[in-house]
N, C-alpha and C. Protein backbone atom coordinates (compact mmCIF):
# COMPACT_ATOMS: atom_id res chain seq x y z
N UNK A 1 0.83 -1.18 0.00
CA UNK A 1 0.00 0.00 0.00
C UNK A 1 0.88 1.24 0.00
N UNK A 2 0.50 2.21 -0.77
CA UNK A 2 1.27 3.44 -0.87
C UNK A 2 1.03 4.32 0.35
N UNK A 3 2.07 5.00 0.80
CA UNK A 3 1.97 5.87 1.97
C UNK A 3 1.15 7.12 1.63
N UNK A 4 0.45 7.63 2.63
CA UNK A 4 -0.30 8.87 2.45
C UNK A 4 0.69 10.02 2.27
N UNK A 5 0.30 11.03 1.50
CA UNK A 5 1.19 12.14 1.21
C UNK A 5 1.48 12.96 2.47
N UNK A 6 2.62 13.60 2.48
CA UNK A 6 2.99 14.45 3.60
C UNK A 6 2.01 15.61 3.72
N UNK A 7 1.50 16.09 2.58
CA UNK A 7 0.53 17.18 2.58
C UNK A 7 -0.74 16.78 3.34
N UNK A 8 -1.27 15.60 3.06
CA UNK A 8 -2.47 15.13 3.76
C UNK A 8 -2.17 14.93 5.24
N UNK A 9 -1.03 14.35 5.55
CA UNK A 9 -0.65 14.14 6.94
C UNK A 9 -0.59 15.47 7.70
N UNK A 10 0.01 16.48 7.07
CA UNK A 10 0.13 17.79 7.72
C UNK A 10 -1.23 18.45 7.88
N UNK A 11 -2.13 18.29 6.90
CA UNK A 11 -3.49 18.84 7.01
C UNK A 11 -4.23 18.23 8.19
N UNK A 12 -4.07 16.93 8.39
CA UNK A 12 -4.72 16.25 9.51
C UNK A 12 -4.21 16.82 10.83
N UNK A 13 -2.91 16.98 10.96
CA UNK A 13 -2.32 17.53 12.19
C UNK A 13 -2.78 18.97 12.41
N UNK A 14 -2.71 19.79 11.38
CA UNK A 14 -3.11 21.20 11.50
C UNK A 14 -4.57 21.33 11.90
N UNK A 15 -5.43 20.53 11.29
CA UNK A 15 -6.86 20.59 11.60
C UNK A 15 -7.10 20.18 13.05
N UNK A 16 -6.42 19.14 13.50
CA UNK A 16 -6.61 18.66 14.88
C UNK A 16 -6.23 19.73 15.90
N UNK A 17 -5.12 20.41 15.68
CA UNK A 17 -4.64 21.39 16.66
C UNK A 17 -5.28 22.77 16.52
N UNK A 18 -5.92 23.06 15.39
CA UNK A 18 -6.51 24.38 15.18
C UNK A 18 -8.03 24.42 15.29
N UNK A 19 -8.68 23.28 15.35
CA UNK A 19 -10.14 23.25 15.44
C UNK A 19 -10.57 22.28 16.53
N UNK A 20 -11.68 22.59 17.20
CA UNK A 20 -12.17 21.65 18.22
C UNK A 20 -12.86 20.45 17.55
N UNK A 21 -12.10 19.41 17.26
CA UNK A 21 -12.62 18.25 16.52
C UNK A 21 -12.04 16.98 17.13
N UNK A 22 -12.86 15.94 17.19
CA UNK A 22 -12.38 14.67 17.75
C UNK A 22 -11.56 13.91 16.70
N UNK A 23 -10.83 12.93 17.17
CA UNK A 23 -10.03 12.12 16.26
C UNK A 23 -10.93 11.33 15.32
N UNK A 24 -12.05 10.85 15.81
CA UNK A 24 -12.99 10.10 14.98
C UNK A 24 -13.57 10.99 13.88
N UNK A 25 -13.94 12.22 14.22
CA UNK A 25 -14.48 13.15 13.23
C UNK A 25 -13.41 13.50 12.20
N UNK A 26 -12.19 13.63 12.65
CA UNK A 26 -11.07 13.93 11.76
C UNK A 26 -10.87 12.80 10.75
N UNK A 27 -10.94 11.56 11.21
CA UNK A 27 -10.80 10.41 10.32
C UNK A 27 -11.90 10.39 9.28
N UNK A 28 -13.13 10.69 9.71
CA UNK A 28 -14.26 10.72 8.78
C UNK A 28 -14.09 11.85 7.77
N UNK A 29 -13.67 13.00 8.23
CA UNK A 29 -13.52 14.17 7.37
C UNK A 29 -12.50 13.93 6.25
N UNK A 30 -11.39 13.28 6.58
CA UNK A 30 -10.33 13.06 5.60
C UNK A 30 -10.38 11.67 4.96
N UNK A 31 -11.42 10.89 5.27
CA UNK A 31 -11.60 9.55 4.69
C UNK A 31 -10.40 8.64 4.92
N UNK A 32 -9.93 8.63 6.16
CA UNK A 32 -8.82 7.75 6.54
C UNK A 32 -9.25 6.96 7.77
N UNK A 33 -8.49 5.95 8.11
CA UNK A 33 -8.79 5.14 9.29
C UNK A 33 -8.47 5.90 10.57
N UNK A 34 -9.24 5.63 11.60
CA UNK A 34 -9.00 6.25 12.91
C UNK A 34 -7.60 5.90 13.40
N UNK A 35 -7.16 4.69 13.14
CA UNK A 35 -5.82 4.26 13.58
C UNK A 35 -4.72 5.11 12.93
N UNK A 36 -4.93 5.56 11.69
CA UNK A 36 -3.95 6.42 11.04
C UNK A 36 -3.87 7.76 11.77
N UNK A 37 -5.02 8.32 12.10
CA UNK A 37 -5.05 9.61 12.81
C UNK A 37 -4.33 9.46 14.15
N UNK A 38 -4.62 8.40 14.88
CA UNK A 38 -3.98 8.17 16.17
C UNK A 38 -2.47 8.01 16.02
N UNK A 39 -2.06 7.26 15.00
CA UNK A 39 -0.63 7.04 14.75
C UNK A 39 0.07 8.35 14.40
N UNK A 40 -0.56 9.16 13.55
CA UNK A 40 0.03 10.44 13.15
C UNK A 40 0.18 11.38 14.34
N UNK A 41 -0.85 11.46 15.17
CA UNK A 41 -0.79 12.34 16.33
C UNK A 41 0.30 11.90 17.31
N UNK A 42 0.42 10.60 17.52
CA UNK A 42 1.46 10.08 18.41
C UNK A 42 2.84 10.37 17.83
N UNK A 43 3.01 10.11 16.54
CA UNK A 43 4.30 10.36 15.88
C UNK A 43 4.65 11.84 15.95
N UNK A 44 3.67 12.71 15.74
CA UNK A 44 3.92 14.15 15.77
C UNK A 44 4.31 14.60 17.18
N UNK A 45 3.63 14.07 18.20
CA UNK A 45 3.95 14.44 19.59
C UNK A 45 5.37 13.99 19.97
N UNK A 46 5.76 12.80 19.51
CA UNK A 46 7.06 12.26 19.88
C UNK A 46 8.22 12.85 19.09
N UNK A 47 8.01 13.09 17.80
CA UNK A 47 9.13 13.50 16.93
C UNK A 47 8.97 14.89 16.32
N UNK A 48 7.74 15.42 16.29
CA UNK A 48 7.51 16.69 15.63
C UNK A 48 7.53 16.56 14.11
N UNK A 49 7.43 15.34 13.63
CA UNK A 49 7.55 15.04 12.21
C UNK A 49 6.36 14.17 11.78
N UNK A 50 5.86 14.40 10.57
CA UNK A 50 4.74 13.59 10.07
C UNK A 50 5.12 12.75 8.85
N UNK A 51 6.38 12.76 8.47
CA UNK A 51 6.82 11.99 7.30
C UNK A 51 6.68 10.50 7.57
N UNK A 52 6.36 9.71 6.54
CA UNK A 52 6.24 8.26 6.75
C UNK A 52 7.57 7.66 7.18
N UNK A 53 7.49 6.68 8.05
CA UNK A 53 8.69 6.00 8.54
C UNK A 53 9.15 4.98 7.50
N UNK A 54 10.45 4.76 7.38
CA UNK A 54 10.94 3.77 6.41
C UNK A 54 10.51 2.36 6.79
N UNK A 55 10.35 1.53 5.78
CA UNK A 55 9.98 0.13 6.00
C UNK A 55 11.14 -0.58 6.67
N UNK A 56 10.87 -1.32 7.70
CA UNK A 56 11.93 -1.94 8.49
C UNK A 56 12.34 -3.31 7.97
N UNK A 57 11.66 -3.83 6.99
CA UNK A 57 12.03 -5.14 6.46
C UNK A 57 11.35 -6.26 7.21
N UNK A 58 11.70 -7.46 6.88
CA UNK A 58 11.06 -8.61 7.48
C UNK A 58 11.94 -9.28 8.53
N UNK A 59 11.57 -10.48 8.85
CA UNK A 59 12.31 -11.27 9.83
C UNK A 59 13.60 -11.77 9.18
N UNK A 60 14.69 -11.65 9.89
CA UNK A 60 15.96 -12.13 9.37
C UNK A 60 16.01 -13.65 9.44
N UNK A 61 16.53 -14.26 8.40
CA UNK A 61 16.64 -15.71 8.35
C UNK A 61 17.73 -16.20 9.30
N UNK A 62 17.46 -17.29 10.00
CA UNK A 62 18.45 -17.83 10.91
C UNK A 62 19.40 -18.79 10.20
N UNK A 63 18.90 -19.46 9.16
CA UNK A 63 19.73 -20.37 8.40
C UNK A 63 20.37 -19.63 7.24
N UNK A 64 21.64 -19.91 7.01
CA UNK A 64 22.33 -19.27 5.90
C UNK A 64 22.18 -20.12 4.66
N UNK A 65 21.94 -19.47 3.56
CA UNK A 65 21.80 -20.18 2.29
C UNK A 65 23.20 -20.49 1.76
N UNK A 66 23.44 -21.77 1.39
CA UNK A 66 24.77 -22.15 0.90
C UNK A 66 24.73 -22.55 -0.55
């Protein structure tokens, strides 16, 4: 799945902090999942950044291929 644009992410953050609106209403307004809104707000509070995080990859294999 493609990451949401930084512009949309910033609009969600700006709207939340500038208007009296709940997280659920915000998700409905921007047609995104409530979990995305919660994740963005947490990320913004912790880092001050709304850019998508890099993919961390999968589980490392324990057996070496020979």
